[in-house]
PDB file of N, CA and C in Angstrom:
ATOM      1  N   MET A   1       0.849  -1.178   0.000  1.00  0.00           N
ATOM      2  CA  MET A   1       0.000   0.000   0.000  1.00  0.00           C
ATOM      3  C   MET A   1       0.893   1.239   0.000  1.00  0.00           C
ATOM      4  N   SER A   2       0.634   2.142  -0.931  1.00  0.00           N
ATOM      5  CA  SER A   2       1.471   3.323  -1.061  1.00  0.00           C
ATOM      6  C   SER A   2       0.842   4.509  -0.328  1.00  0.00           C
ATOM      7  N   GLU A   3       1.667   5.510  -0.099  1.00  0.00           N
ATOM      8  CA  GLU A   3       1.206   6.729   0.549  1.00  0.00           C
ATOM      9  C   GLU A   3       0.341   7.536  -0.421  1.00  0.00           C
ATOM     10  N   PRO A   4      -0.693   8.212   0.075  1.00  0.00           N
ATOM     11  CA  PRO A   4      -1.490   9.087  -0.800  1.00  0.00           C
ATOM     12  C   PRO A   4      -0.617  10.208  -1.364  1.00  0.00           C
ATOM     13  N   PHE A   5      -0.844  10.543  -2.637  1.00  0.00           N
ATOM     14  CA  PHE A   5      -0.090  11.602  -3.296  1.00  0.00           C
ATOM     15  C   PHE A   5      -1.077  12.717  -3.654  1.00  0.00           C
ATOM     16  N   LEU A   6      -0.931  13.868  -3.022  1.00  0.00           N
ATOM     17  CA  LEU A   6      -1.847  14.987  -3.215  1.00  0.00           C
ATOM     18  C   LEU A   6      -1.638  15.648  -4.569  1.00  0.00           C
ATOM     19  N   ILE A   7      -2.725  15.811  -5.315  1.00  0.00           N
ATOM     20  CA  ILE A   7      -2.691  16.510  -6.597  1.00  0.00           C
ATOM     21  C   ILE A   7      -3.163  17.945  -6.390  1.00  0.00           C
ATOM     22  N   ARG A   8      -4.281  18.107  -5.705  1.00  0.00           N
ATOM     23  CA  ARG A   8      -4.801  19.444  -5.397  1.00  0.00           C
ATOM     24  C   ARG A   8      -5.882  19.314  -4.331  1.00  0.00           C
ATOM     25  N   THR A   9      -6.337  20.461  -3.863  1.00  0.00           N
ATOM     26  CA  THR A   9      -7.474  20.524  -2.948  1.00  0.00           C
ATOM     27  C   THR A   9      -8.576  21.283  -3.672  1.00  0.00           C
ATOM     28  N   THR A  10      -9.787  20.764  -3.623  1.00  0.00           N
ATOM     29  CA  THR A  10     -10.912  21.409  -4.302  1.00  0.00           C
ATOM     30  C   THR A  10     -11.290  22.696  -3.568  1.00  0.00           C
ATOM     31  N   GLN A  11     -12.144  23.500  -4.197  1.00  0.00           N
ATOM     32  CA  GLN A  11     -12.572  24.759  -3.590  1.00  0.00           C
ATOM     33  C   GLN A  11     -13.299  24.543  -2.274  1.00  0.00           C
ATOM     34  N   ASP A  12     -13.964  23.388  -2.128  1.00  0.00           N
ATOM     35  CA  ASP A  12     -14.674  23.113  -0.879  1.00  0.00           C
ATOM     36  C   ASP A  12     -13.822  22.355   0.138  1.00  0.00           C
ATOM     37  N   GLY A  13     -12.510  22.221  -0.140  1.00  0.00           N
ATOM     38  CA  GLY A  13     -11.593  21.652   0.835  1.00  0.00           C
ATOM     39  C   GLY A  13     -11.330  20.164   0.750  1.00  0.00           C
ATOM     40  N   ARG A  14     -11.916  19.476  -0.233  1.00  0.00           N
ATOM     41  CA  ARG A  14     -11.663  18.036  -0.365  1.00  0.00           C
ATOM     42  C   ARG A  14     -10.359  17.800  -1.112  1.00  0.00           C
ATOM     43  N   LYS A  15      -9.659  16.749  -0.724  1.00  0.00           N
ATOM     44  CA  LYS A  15      -8.377  16.417  -1.351  1.00  0.00           C
ATOM     45  C   LYS A  15      -8.586  15.542  -2.577  1.00  0.00           C
ATOM     46  N   VAL A  16      -7.870  15.881  -3.651  1.00  0.00           N
ATOM     47  CA  VAL A  16      -7.796  15.043  -4.843  1.00  0.00           C
ATOM     48  C   VAL A  16      -6.420  14.402  -4.778  1.00  0.00           C
ATOM     49  N   GLU A  17      -6.399  13.066  -4.622  1.00  0.00           N
ATOM     50  CA  GLU A  17      -5.148  12.346  -4.402  1.00  0.00           C
ATOM     51  C   GLU A  17      -5.092  11.091  -5.261  1.00  0.00           C
ATOM     52  N   VAL A  18      -3.881  10.580  -5.424  1.00  0.00           N
ATOM     53  CA  VAL A  18      -3.699   9.253  -5.994  1.00  0.00           C
ATOM     54  C   VAL A  18      -3.389   8.333  -4.823  1.00  0.00           C
ATOM     55  N   ILE A  19      -4.255   7.325  -4.650  1.00  0.00           N
ATOM     56  CA  ILE A  19      -4.100   6.367  -3.559  1.00  0.00           C
ATOM     57  C   ILE A  19      -4.143   4.968  -4.154  1.00  0.00           C
ATOM     58  N   ASP A  20      -3.060   4.226  -4.012  1.00  0.00           N
ATOM     59  CA  ASP A  20      -2.975   2.844  -4.496  1.00  0.00           C
ATOM     60  C   ASP A  20      -3.377   2.699  -5.965  1.00  0.00           C
ATOM     61  N   GLY A  21      -2.928   3.631  -6.795  1.00  0.00           N
ATOM     62  CA  GLY A  21      -3.204   3.541  -8.222  1.00  0.00           C
ATOM     63  C   GLY A  21      -4.577   4.038  -8.643  1.00  0.00           C
ATOM     64  N   TRP A  22      -5.274   4.721  -7.752  1.00  0.00           N
ATOM     65  CA  TRP A  22      -6.597   5.282  -8.057  1.00  0.00           C
ATOM     66  C   TRP A  22      -6.579   6.781  -7.799  1.00  0.00           C
ATOM     67  N   ILE A  23      -7.239   7.526  -8.667  1.00  0.00           N
ATOM     68  CA  ILE A  23      -7.451   8.944  -8.414  1.00  0.00           C
ATOM     69  C   ILE A  23      -8.678   9.026  -7.519  1.00  0.00           C
ATOM     70  N   CYS A  24      -8.510   9.662  -6.364  1.00  0.00           N
ATOM     71  CA  CYS A  24      -9.566   9.683  -5.349  1.00  0.00           C
ATOM     72  C   CYS A  24      -9.952  11.116  -4.995  1.00  0.00           C
ATOM     73  N   LEU A  25     -11.213  11.283  -4.668  1.00  0.00           N
ATOM     74  CA  LEU A  25     -11.735  12.546  -4.175  1.00  0.00           C
ATOM     75  C   LEU A  25     -12.193  12.309  -2.748  1.00  0.00           C
ATOM     76  N   ALA A  26     -11.566  12.977  -1.811  1.00  0.00           N
ATOM     77  CA  ALA A  26     -11.874  12.822  -0.385  1.00  0.00           C
ATOM     78  C   ALA A  26     -11.776  11.358   0.040  1.00  0.00           C
ATOM     79  N   GLY A  27     -10.815  10.639  -0.526  1.00  0.00           N
ATOM     80  CA  GLY A  27     -10.583   9.246  -0.167  1.00  0.00           C
ATOM     81  C   GLY A  27     -11.422   8.234  -0.914  1.00  0.00           C
ATOM     82  N   ALA A  28     -12.406   8.686  -1.706  1.00  0.00           N
ATOM     83  CA  ALA A  28     -13.268   7.780  -2.468  1.00  0.00           C
ATOM     84  C   ALA A  28     -12.732   7.651  -3.896  1.00  0.00           C
ATOM     85  N   ARG A  29     -12.668   6.424  -4.380  1.00  0.00           N
ATOM     86  CA  ARG A  29     -12.140   6.176  -5.727  1.00  0.00           C
ATOM     87  C   ARG A  29     -13.005   6.836  -6.798  1.00  0.00           C
ATOM     88  N   GLU A  30     -12.335   7.482  -7.756  1.00  0.00           N
ATOM     89  CA  GLU A  30     -13.013   8.103  -8.897  1.00  0.00           C
ATOM     90  C   GLU A  30     -12.647   7.385 -10.197  1.00  0.00           C
ATOM     91  N   ALA A  31     -11.348   7.169 -10.422  1.00  0.00           N
ATOM     92  CA  ALA A  31     -10.905   6.550 -11.677  1.00  0.00           C
ATOM     93  C   ALA A  31      -9.495   6.008 -11.502  1.00  0.00           C
ATOM     94  N   ASP A  32      -9.140   5.065 -12.381  1.00  0.00           N
ATOM     95  CA  ASP A  32      -7.783   4.517 -12.337  1.00  0.00           C
ATOM     96  C   ASP A  32      -6.946   4.973 -13.529  1.00  0.00           C
ATOM     97  N   SER A  33      -7.485   5.914 -14.309  1.00  0.00           N
ATOM     98  CA  SER A  33      -6.734   6.460 -15.449  1.00  0.00           C
ATOM     99  C   SER A  33      -7.280   7.835 -15.804  1.00  0.00           C
ATOM    100  N   LEU A  34      -6.484   8.557 -16.575  1.00  0.00           N
ATOM    101  CA  LEU A  34      -6.881   9.869 -17.069  1.00  0.00           C
ATOM    102  C   LEU A  34      -7.358   9.744 -18.507  1.00  0.00           C
ATOM    103  N   ILE A  35      -8.346  10.530 -18.865  1.00  0.00           N
ATOM    104  CA  ILE A  35      -8.844  10.546 -20.238  1.00  0.00           C
ATOM    105  C   ILE A  35      -8.590  11.940 -20.801  1.00  0.00           C
ATOM    106  N   PRO A  36      -7.917  12.037 -21.955  1.00  0.00           N
ATOM    107  CA  PRO A  36      -7.773  13.359 -22.583  1.00  0.00           C
ATOM    108  C   PRO A  36      -9.161  13.943 -22.860  1.00  0.00           C
ATOM    109  N   LEU A  37      -9.303  15.223 -22.659  1.00  0.00           N
ATOM    110  CA  LEU A  37     -10.612  15.848 -22.776  1.00  0.00           C
ATOM    111  C   LEU A  37     -11.223  15.666 -24.157  1.00  0.00           C
ATOM    112  N   GLU A  38     -10.402  15.656 -25.216  1.00  0.00           N
ATOM    113  CA  GLU A  38     -10.964  15.496 -26.556  1.00  0.00           C
ATOM    114  C   GLU A  38     -11.568  14.119 -26.778  1.00  0.00           C
ATOM    115  N   GLU A  39     -11.273  13.145 -25.907  1.00  0.00           N
ATOM    116  CA  GLU A  39     -11.853  11.807 -26.004  1.00  0.00           C
ATOM    117  C   GLU A  39     -13.023  11.600 -25.043  1.00  0.00           C
ATOM    118  N   HIS A  40     -13.279  12.567 -24.180  1.00  0.00           N
ATOM    119  CA  HIS A  40     -14.317  12.432 -23.163  1.00  0.00           C
ATOM    120  C   HIS A  40     -15.694  12.703 -23.773  1.00  0.00           C
ATOM    121  N   PRO A  41     -16.694  11.880 -23.476  1.00  0.00           N
ATOM    122  CA  PRO A  41     -18.022  12.082 -24.060  1.00  0.00           C
ATOM    123  C   PRO A  41     -18.714  13.378 -23.617  1.00  0.00           C
ATOM    124  N   ASN A  42     -18.305  13.950 -22.500  1.00  0.00           N
ATOM    125  CA  ASN A  42     -18.937  15.165 -21.985  1.00  0.00           C
ATOM    126  C   ASN A  42     -17.980  16.360 -22.057  1.00  0.00           C
ATOM    127  N   ARG A  43     -17.122  16.377 -23.068  1.00  0.00           N
ATOM    128  CA  ARG A  43     -16.049  17.368 -23.158  1.00  0.00           C
ATOM    129  C   ARG A  43     -16.549  18.809 -23.241  1.00  0.00           C
ATOM    130  N   GLN A  44     -17.669  19.050 -23.905  1.00  0.00           N
ATOM    131  CA  GLN A  44     -18.155  20.428 -24.045  1.00  0.00           C
ATOM    132  C   GLN A  44     -18.582  21.002 -22.695  1.00  0.00           C
ATOM    133  N   ALA A  45     -19.294  20.232 -21.922  1.00  0.00           N
ATOM    134  CA  ALA A  45     -19.731  20.708 -20.606  1.00  0.00           C
ATOM    135  C   ALA A  45     -18.536  20.918 -19.677  1.00  0.00           C
ATOM    136  N   ILE A  46     -17.557  20.021 -19.748  1.00  0.00           N
ATOM    137  CA  ILE A  46     -16.362  20.155 -18.905  1.00  0.00           C
ATOM    138  C   ILE A  46     -15.592  21.400 -19.298  1.00  0.00           C
ATOM    139  N   SER A  47     -15.427  21.629 -20.593  1.00  0.00           N
ATOM    140  CA  SER A  47     -14.698  22.807 -21.065  1.00  0.00           C
ATOM    141  C   SER A  47     -15.374  24.102 -20.640  1.00  0.00           C
ATOM    142  N   GLN A  48     -16.695  24.124 -20.653  1.00  0.00           N
ATOM    143  CA  GLN A  48     -17.417  25.323 -20.231  1.00  0.00           C
ATOM    144  C   GLN A  48     -17.312  25.533 -18.726  1.00  0.00           C
ATOM    145  N   ALA A  49     -17.393  24.459 -17.969  1.00  0.00           N
ATOM    146  CA  ALA A  49     -17.361  24.563 -16.507  1.00  0.00           C
ATOM    147  C   ALA A  49     -15.956  24.840 -15.979  1.00  0.00           C
ATOM    148  N   VAL A  50     -14.940  24.257 -16.634  1.00  0.00           N
ATOM    149  CA  VAL A  50     -13.558  24.384 -16.172  1.00  0.00           C
ATOM    150  C   VAL A  50     -12.673  24.770 -17.360  1.00  0.00           C
ATOM    151  N   PRO A  51     -12.604  26.054 -17.667  1.00  0.00           N
ATOM    152  CA  PRO A  51     -11.721  26.477 -18.760  1.00  0.00           C
ATOM    153  C   PRO A  51     -10.271  26.086 -18.443  1.00  0.00           C
ATOM    154  N   GLY A  52      -9.586  25.562 -19.418  1.00  0.00           N
ATOM    155  CA  GLY A  52      -8.203  25.141 -19.201  1.00  0.00           C
ATOM    156  C   GLY A  52      -8.064  23.669 -18.879  1.00  0.00           C
ATOM    157  N   ALA A  53      -9.177  22.964 -18.715  1.00  0.00           N
ATOM    158  CA  ALA A  53      -9.102  21.524 -18.436  1.00  0.00           C
ATOM    159  C   ALA A  53      -8.629  20.796 -19.694  1.00  0.00           C
ATOM    160  N   THR A  54      -7.706  19.851 -19.517  1.00  0.00           N
ATOM    161  CA  THR A  54      -7.189  19.068 -20.646  1.00  0.00           C
ATOM    162  C   THR A  54      -7.457  17.584 -20.483  1.00  0.00           C
ATOM    163  N   HIS A  55      -7.744  17.145 -19.261  1.00  0.00           N
ATOM    164  CA  HIS A  55      -7.983  15.733 -18.958  1.00  0.00           C
ATOM    165  C   HIS A  55      -9.107  15.611 -17.938  1.00  0.00           C
ATOM    166  N   ALA A  56      -9.648  14.408 -17.819  1.00  0.00           N
ATOM    167  CA  ALA A  56     -10.651  14.127 -16.801  1.00  0.00           C
ATOM    168  C   ALA A  56     -10.406  12.730 -16.245  1.00  0.00           C
ATOM    169  N   ALA A  57     -10.786  12.554 -15.002  1.00  0.00           N
ATOM    170  CA  ALA A  57     -10.723  11.247 -14.340  1.00  0.00           C
ATOM    171  C   ALA A  57     -12.011  11.117 -13.550  1.00  0.00           C
ATOM    172  N   GLY A  58     -12.912  10.283 -14.037  1.00  0.00           N
ATOM    173  CA  GLY A  58     -14.222  10.219 -13.408  1.00  0.00           C
ATOM    174  C   GLY A  58     -14.903  11.558 -13.575  1.00  0.00           C
ATOM    175  N   ARG A  59     -15.329  12.161 -12.486  1.00  0.00           N
ATOM    176  CA  ARG A  59     -15.982  13.474 -12.564  1.00  0.00           C
ATOM    177  C   ARG A  59     -15.039  14.619 -12.243  1.00  0.00           C
ATOM    178  N   LEU A  60     -13.730  14.328 -12.225  1.00  0.00           N
ATOM    179  CA  LEU A  60     -12.736  15.345 -11.884  1.00  0.00           C
ATOM    180  C   LEU A  60     -12.018  15.869 -13.127  1.00  0.00           C
ATOM    181  N   PRO A  61     -12.104  17.167 -13.398  1.00  0.00           N
ATOM    182  CA  PRO A  61     -11.331  17.742 -14.503  1.00  0.00           C
ATOM    183  C   PRO A  61      -9.929  18.123 -14.010  1.00  0.00           C
ATOM    184  N   PHE A  62      -8.959  18.072 -14.924  1.00  0.00           N
ATOM    185  CA  PHE A  62      -7.576  18.411 -14.596  1.00  0.00           C
ATOM    186  C   PHE A  62      -6.994  19.346 -15.646  1.00  0.00           C
ATOM    187  N   THR A  63      -6.173  20.286 -15.193  1.00  0.00           N
ATOM    188  CA  THR A  63      -5.391  21.094 -16.120  1.00  0.00           C
ATOM    189  C   THR A  63      -4.228  20.236 -16.602  1.00  0.00           C
ATOM    190  N   HIS A  64      -3.484  20.757 -17.558  1.00  0.00           N
ATOM    191  CA  HIS A  64      -2.344  20.001 -18.082  1.00  0.00           C
ATOM    192  C   HIS A  64      -1.336  19.684 -16.966  1.00  0.00           C
ATOM    193  N   GLU A  65      -1.048  20.658 -16.121  1.00  0.00           N
ATOM    194  CA  GLU A  65      -0.067  20.461 -15.044  1.00  0.00           C
ATOM    195  C   GLU A  65      -0.564  19.427 -14.029  1.00  0.00           C
ATOM    196  N   GLU A  66      -1.833  19.523 -13.656  1.00  0.00           N
ATOM    197  CA  GLU A  66      -2.400  18.560 -12.704  1.00  0.00           C
ATOM    198  C   GLU A  66      -2.443  17.161 -13.303  1.00  0.00           C
ATOM    199  N   ALA A  67      -2.754  17.070 -14.594  1.00  0.00           N
ATOM    200  CA  ALA A  67      -2.794  15.768 -15.263  1.00  0.00           C
ATOM    201  C   ALA A  67      -1.402  15.139 -15.283  1.00  0.00           C
ATOM    202  N   ALA A  68      -0.372  15.947 -15.500  1.00  0.00           N
ATOM    203  CA  ALA A  68       0.998  15.425 -15.498  1.00  0.00           C
ATOM    204  C   ALA A  68       1.372  14.889 -14.118  1.00  0.00           C
ATOM    205  N   ILE A  69       0.993  15.608 -13.085  1.00  0.00           N
ATOM    206  CA  ILE A  69       1.260  15.155 -11.711  1.00  0.00           C
ATOM    207  C   ILE A  69       0.510  13.859 -11.426  1.00  0.00           C
ATOM    208  N   ALA A  70      -0.768  13.824 -11.796  1.00  0.00           N
ATOM    209  CA  ALA A  70      -1.593  12.636 -11.545  1.00  0.00           C
ATOM    210  C   ALA A  70      -1.052  11.433 -12.317  1.00  0.00           C
ATOM    211  N   GLN A  71      -0.683  11.630 -13.584  1.00  0.00           N
ATOM    212  CA  GLN A  71      -0.172  10.517 -14.384  1.00  0.00           C
ATOM    213  C   GLN A  71       1.134   9.994 -13.815  1.00  0.00           C
ATOM    214  N   SER A  72       1.982  10.882 -13.345  1.00  0.00           N
ATOM    215  CA  SER A  72       3.231  10.467 -12.721  1.00  0.00           C
ATOM    216  C   SER A  72       2.969   9.626 -11.468  1.00  0.00           C
ATOM    217  N   ALA A  73       2.027  10.053 -10.640  1.00  0.00           N
ATOM    218  CA  ALA A  73       1.691   9.302  -9.426  1.00  0.00           C
ATOM    219  C   ALA A  73       1.044   7.964  -9.766  1.00  0.00           C
ATOM    220  N   LEU A  74       0.190   7.927 -10.805  1.00  0.00           N
ATOM    221  CA  LEU A  74      -0.416   6.660 -11.227  1.00  0.00           C
ATOM    222  C   LEU A  74       0.649   5.699 -11.730  1.00  0.00           C
ATOM    223  N   SER A  75       1.592   6.206 -12.513  1.00  0.00           N
ATOM    224  CA  SER A  75       2.669   5.359 -13.037  1.00  0.00           C
ATOM    225  C   SER A  75       3.540   4.819 -11.913  1.00  0.00           C
ATOM    226  N   ALA A  76       3.840   5.659 -10.940  1.00  0.00           N
ATOM    227  CA  ALA A  76       4.646   5.220  -9.796  1.00  0.00           C
ATOM    228  C   ALA A  76       3.920   4.133  -9.012  1.00  0.00           C
ATOM    229  N   ALA A  77       2.610   4.276  -8.855  1.00  0.00           N
ATOM    230  CA  ALA A  77       1.832   3.271  -8.117  1.00  0.00           C
ATOM    231  C   ALA A  77       1.814   1.944  -8.856  1.00  0.00           C
ATOM    232  N   LYS A  78       1.797   1.972 -10.182  1.00  0.00           N
ATOM    233  CA  LYS A  78       1.771   0.732 -10.962  1.00  0.00           C
ATOM    234  C   LYS A  78       3.121   0.017 -10.952  1.00  0.00           C
ATOM    235  N   ARG A  79       4.194   0.768 -10.679  1.00  0.00           N
ATOM    236  CA  ARG A  79       5.521   0.143 -10.619  1.00  0.00           C
ATOM    237  C   ARG A  79       5.726  -0.651  -9.339  1.00  0.00           C
ATOM    238  N   ILE A  80       4.924  -0.351  -8.323  1.00  0.00           N
ATOM    239  CA  ILE A  80       5.025  -1.091  -7.068  1.00  0.00           C
ATOM    240  C   ILE A  80       4.415  -2.472  -7.288  1.00  0.00           C
ATOM    241  N   PHE A  81       5.200  -3.500  -7.070  1.00  0.00           N
ATOM    242  CA  PHE A  81       4.765  -4.864  -7.351  1.00  0.00           C
ATOM    243  C   PHE A  81       4.450  -5.586  -6.052  1.00  0.00           C
ATOM    244  N   ASP A  82       3.222  -6.048  -5.933  1.00  0.00           N
ATOM    245  CA  ASP A  82       2.794  -6.830  -4.776  1.00  0.00           C
ATOM    246  C   ASP A  82       3.000  -8.303  -5.126  1.00  0.00           C
ATOM    247  N   ALA A  83       3.972  -8.930  -4.501  1.00  0.00           N
ATOM    248  CA  ALA A  83       4.316 -10.316  -4.827  1.00  0.00           C
ATOM    249  C   ALA A  83       3.512 -11.337  -4.018  1.00  0.00           C
ATOM    250  N   SER A  84       2.554 -10.883  -3.241  1.00  0.00           N
ATOM    251  CA  SER A  84       1.724 -11.818  -2.478  1.00  0.00           C
ATOM    252  C   SER A  84       0.787 -12.551  -3.430  1.00  0.00           C
ATOM    253  N   PRO A  85       0.249 -13.698  -3.011  1.00  0.00           N
ATOM    254  CA  PRO A  85      -0.700 -14.409  -3.870  1.00  0.00           C
ATOM    255  C   PRO A  85      -1.895 -13.544  -4.295  1.00  0.00           C
ATOM    256  N   SER A  86      -2.427 -12.730  -3.384  1.00  0.00           N
ATOM    257  CA  SER A  86      -3.561 -11.878  -3.760  1.00  0.00           C
ATOM    258  C   SER A  86      -3.138 -10.784  -4.734  1.00  0.00           C
ATOM    259  N   GLY A  87      -1.921 -10.262  -4.585  1.00  0.00           N
ATOM    260  CA  GLY A  87      -1.410  -9.253  -5.510  1.00  0.00           C
ATOM    261  C   GLY A  87      -1.221  -9.811  -6.907  1.00  0.00           C
ATOM    262  N   ILE A  88      -0.687 -11.019  -6.995  1.00  0.00           N
ATOM    263  CA  ILE A  88      -0.497 -11.670  -8.291  1.00  0.00           C
ATOM    264  C   ILE A  88      -1.848 -11.983  -8.928  1.00  0.00           C
ATOM    265  N   THR A  89      -2.800 -12.450  -8.126  1.00  0.00           N
ATOM    266  CA  THR A  89      -4.147 -12.728  -8.636  1.00  0.00           C
ATOM    267  C   THR A  89      -4.782 -11.454  -9.192  1.00  0.00           C
ATOM    268  N   GLN A  90      -4.612 -10.373  -8.488  1.00  0.00           N
ATOM    269  CA  GLN A  90      -5.175  -9.096  -8.939  1.00  0.00           C
ATOM    270  C   GLN A  90      -4.553  -8.659 -10.265  1.00  0.00           C
ATOM    271  N   ARG A  91      -3.233  -8.802 -10.412  1.00  0.00           N
ATOM    272  CA  ARG A  91      -2.564  -8.424 -11.664  1.00  0.00           C
ATOM    273  C   ARG A  91      -3.042  -9.309 -12.808  1.00  0.00           C
ATOM    274  N   LEU A  92      -3.222 -10.599 -12.559  1.00  0.00           N
ATOM    275  CA  LEU A  92      -3.730 -11.502 -13.596  1.00  0.00           C
ATOM    276  C   LEU A  92      -5.163 -11.136 -13.988  1.00  0.00           C
ATOM    277  N   ARG A  93      -5.978 -10.808 -13.003  1.00  0.00           N
ATOM    278  CA  ARG A  93      -7.357 -10.419 -13.269  1.00  0.00           C
ATOM    279  C   ARG A  93      -7.397  -9.175 -14.163  1.00  0.00           C
ATOM    280  N   HIS A  94      -6.559  -8.190 -13.856  1.00  0.00           N
ATOM    281  CA  HIS A  94      -6.494  -6.979 -14.673  1.00  0.00           C
ATOM    282  C   HIS A  94      -6.035  -7.297 -16.094  1.00  0.00           C
ATOM    283  N   ALA A  95      -5.056  -8.173 -16.223  1.00  0.00           N
ATOM    284  CA  ALA A  95      -4.552  -8.537 -17.551  1.00  0.00           C
ATOM    285  C   ALA A  95      -5.628  -9.236 -18.377  1.00  0.00           C
ATOM    286  N   VAL A  96      -6.377 -10.137 -17.763  1.00  0.00           N
ATOM    287  CA  VAL A  96      -7.441 -10.852 -18.477  1.00  0.00           C
ATOM    288  C   VAL A  96      -8.519  -9.868 -18.925  1.00  0.00           C
ATOM    289  N   TRP A  97      -8.916  -8.941 -18.048  1.00  0.00           N
ATOM    290  CA  TRP A  97      -9.940  -7.959 -18.414  1.00  0.00           C
ATOM    291  C   TRP A  97      -9.443  -7.017 -19.501  1.00  0.00           C
ATOM    292  N   ALA A  98      -8.177  -6.608 -19.436  1.00  0.00           N
ATOM    293  CA  ALA A  98      -7.620  -5.726 -20.473  1.00  0.00           C
ATOM    294  C   ALA A  98      -7.613  -6.430 -21.820  1.00  0.00           C
ATOM    295  N   LYS A  99      -7.259  -7.710 -21.841  1.00  0.00           N
ATOM    296  CA  LYS A  99      -7.258  -8.479 -23.090  1.00  0.00           C
ATOM    297  C   LYS A  99      -8.680  -8.635 -23.622  1.00  0.00           C
ATOM    298  N   ALA A 100      -9.622  -8.924 -22.748  1.00  0.00           N
ATOM    299  CA  ALA A 100     -11.009  -9.070 -23.170  1.00  0.00           C
ATOM    300  C   ALA A 100     -11.551  -7.745 -23.715  1.00  0.00           C
ATOM    301  N   ALA A 101     -11.220  -6.636 -23.061  1.00  0.00           N
ATOM    302  CA  ALA A 101     -11.683  -5.336 -23.535  1.00  0.00           C
ATOM    303  C   ALA A 101     -11.064  -4.994 -24.888  1.00  0.00           C
ATOM    304  N   ALA A 102      -9.804  -5.354 -25.081  1.00  0.00           N
ATOM    305  CA  ALA A 102      -9.143  -5.095 -26.371  1.00  0.00           C
ATOM    306  C   ALA A 102      -9.766  -5.905 -27.499  1.00  0.00           C
ATOM    307  N   GLU A 103     -10.354  -7.050 -27.136  1.00  0.00           N
ATOM    308  CA  GLU A 103     -10.986  -7.912 -28.141  1.00  0.00           C
ATOM    309  C   GLU A 103     -12.460  -7.563 -28.351  1.00  0.00           C
ATOM    310  N   GLY A 104     -12.945  -6.546 -27.632  1.00  0.00           N
ATOM    311  CA  GLY A 104     -14.308  -6.092 -27.864  1.00  0.00           C
ATOM    312  C   GLY A 104     -15.332  -6.523 -26.838  1.00  0.00           C
ATOM    313  N   VAL A 105     -14.941  -7.220 -25.791  1.00  0.00           N
ATOM    314  CA  VAL A 105     -15.869  -7.608 -24.737  1.00  0.00           C
ATOM    315  C   VAL A 105     -16.075  -6.415 -23.820  1.00  0.00           C
ATOM    316  N   GLU A 106     -17.316  -6.150 -23.471  1.00  0.00           N
ATOM    317  CA  GLU A 106     -17.574  -5.006 -22.569  1.00  0.00           C
ATOM    318  C   GLU A 106     -18.012  -5.448 -21.215  1.00  0.00           C
TER     319      GLU A 106
END
Protein backbone atom coordinates (compact mmCIF):
# COMPACT_ATOMS: atom_id res chain seq x y z
CA MET A 1 0.00 0.00 0.00
CA SER A 2 1.47 3.32 -1.06
CA GLU A 3 1.21 6.73 0.55
CA PRO A 4 -1.49 9.09 -0.80
CA PHE A 5 -0.09 11.60 -3.30
CA LEU A 6 -1.85 14.99 -3.21
CA ILE A 7 -2.69 16.51 -6.60
CA ARG A 8 -4.80 19.44 -5.40
CA THR A 9 -7.47 20.52 -2.95
CA THR A 10 -10.91 21.41 -4.30
CA GLN A 11 -12.57 24.76 -3.59
CA ASP A 12 -14.67 23.11 -0.88
CA GLY A 13 -11.59 21.65 0.84
CA ARG A 14 -11.66 18.04 -0.37
CA LYS A 15 -8.38 16.42 -1.35
CA VAL A 16 -7.80 15.04 -4.84
CA GLU A 17 -5.15 12.35 -4.40
CA VAL A 18 -3.70 9.25 -5.99
CA ILE A 19 -4.10 6.37 -3.56
CA ASP A 20 -2.98 2.84 -4.50
CA GLY A 21 -3.20 3.54 -8.22
CA TRP A 22 -6.60 5.28 -8.06
CA ILE A 23 -7.45 8.94 -8.41
CA CYS A 24 -9.57 9.68 -5.35
CA LEU A 25 -11.74 12.55 -4.17
CA ALA A 26 -11.87 12.82 -0.38
CA GLY A 27 -10.58 9.25 -0.17
CA ALA A 28 -13.27 7.78 -2.47
CA ARG A 29 -12.14 6.18 -5.73
CA GLU A 30 -13.01 8.10 -8.90
CA ALA A 31 -10.90 6.55 -11.68
CA ASP A 32 -7.78 4.52 -12.34
CA SER A 33 -6.73 6.46 -15.45
CA LEU A 34 -6.88 9.87 -17.07
CA ILE A 35 -8.84 10.55 -20.24
CA PRO A 36 -7.77 13.36 -22.58
CA LEU A 37 -10.61 15.85 -22.78
CA GLU A 38 -10.96 15.50 -26.56
CA GLU A 39 -11.85 11.81 -26.00
CA HIS A 40 -14.32 12.43 -23.16
CA PRO A 41 -18.02 12.08 -24.06
CA ASN A 42 -18.94 15.16 -21.98
CA ARG A 43 -16.05 17.37 -23.16
CA GLN A 44 -18.16 20.43 -24.04
CA ALA A 45 -19.73 20.71 -20.61
CA ILE A 46 -16.36 20.15 -18.90
CA SER A 47 -14.70 22.81 -21.07
CA GLN A 48 -17.42 25.32 -20.23
CA ALA A 49 -17.36 24.56 -16.51
CA VAL A 50 -13.56 24.38 -16.17
CA PRO A 51 -11.72 26.48 -18.76
CA GLY A 52 -8.20 25.14 -19.20
CA ALA A 53 -9.10 21.52 -18.44
CA THR A 54 -7.19 19.07 -20.65
CA HIS A 55 -7.98 15.73 -18.96
CA ALA A 56 -10.65 14.13 -16.80
CA ALA A 57 -10.72 11.25 -14.34
CA GLY A 58 -14.22 10.22 -13.41
CA ARG A 59 -15.98 13.47 -12.56
CA LEU A 60 -12.74 15.35 -11.88
CA PRO A 61 -11.33 17.74 -14.50
CA PHE A 62 -7.58 18.41 -14.60
CA THR A 63 -5.39 21.09 -16.12
CA HIS A 64 -2.34 20.00 -18.08
CA GLU A 65 -0.07 20.46 -15.04
CA GLU A 66 -2.40 18.56 -12.70
CA ALA A 67 -2.79 15.77 -15.26
CA ALA A 68 1.00 15.43 -15.50
CA ILE A 69 1.26 15.16 -11.71
CA ALA A 70 -1.59 12.64 -11.54
CA GLN A 71 -0.17 10.52 -14.38
CA SER A 72 3.23 10.47 -12.72
CA ALA A 73 1.69 9.30 -9.43
CA LEU A 74 -0.42 6.66 -11.23
CA SER A 75 2.67 5.36 -13.04
CA ALA A 76 4.65 5.22 -9.80
CA ALA A 77 1.83 3.27 -8.12
CA LYS A 78 1.77 0.73 -10.96
CA ARG A 79 5.52 0.14 -10.62
CA ILE A 80 5.03 -1.09 -7.07
CA PHE A 81 4.77 -4.86 -7.35
CA ASP A 82 2.79 -6.83 -4.78
CA ALA A 83 4.32 -10.32 -4.83
CA SER A 84 1.72 -11.82 -2.48
CA PRO A 85 -0.70 -14.41 -3.87
CA SER A 86 -3.56 -11.88 -3.76
CA GLY A 87 -1.41 -9.25 -5.51
CA ILE A 88 -0.50 -11.67 -8.29
CA THR A 89 -4.15 -12.73 -8.64
CA GLN A 90 -5.18 -9.10 -8.94
CA ARG A 91 -2.56 -8.42 -11.66
CA LEU A 92 -3.73 -11.50 -13.60
CA ARG A 93 -7.36 -10.42 -13.27
CA HIS A 94 -6.49 -6.98 -14.67
CA ALA A 95 -4.55 -8.54 -17.55
CA VAL A 96 -7.44 -10.85 -18.48
CA TRP A 97 -9.94 -7.96 -18.41
CA ALA A 98 -7.62 -5.73 -20.47
CA LYS A 99 -7.26 -8.48 -23.09
CA ALA A 100 -11.01 -9.07 -23.17
CA ALA A 101 -11.68 -5.34 -23.53
CA ALA A 102 -9.14 -5.09 -26.37
CA GLU A 103 -10.99 -7.91 -28.14
CA GLY A 104 -14.31 -6.09 -27.86
CA VAL A 105 -15.87 -7.61 -24.74
CA GLU A 106 -17.57 -5.01 -22.57
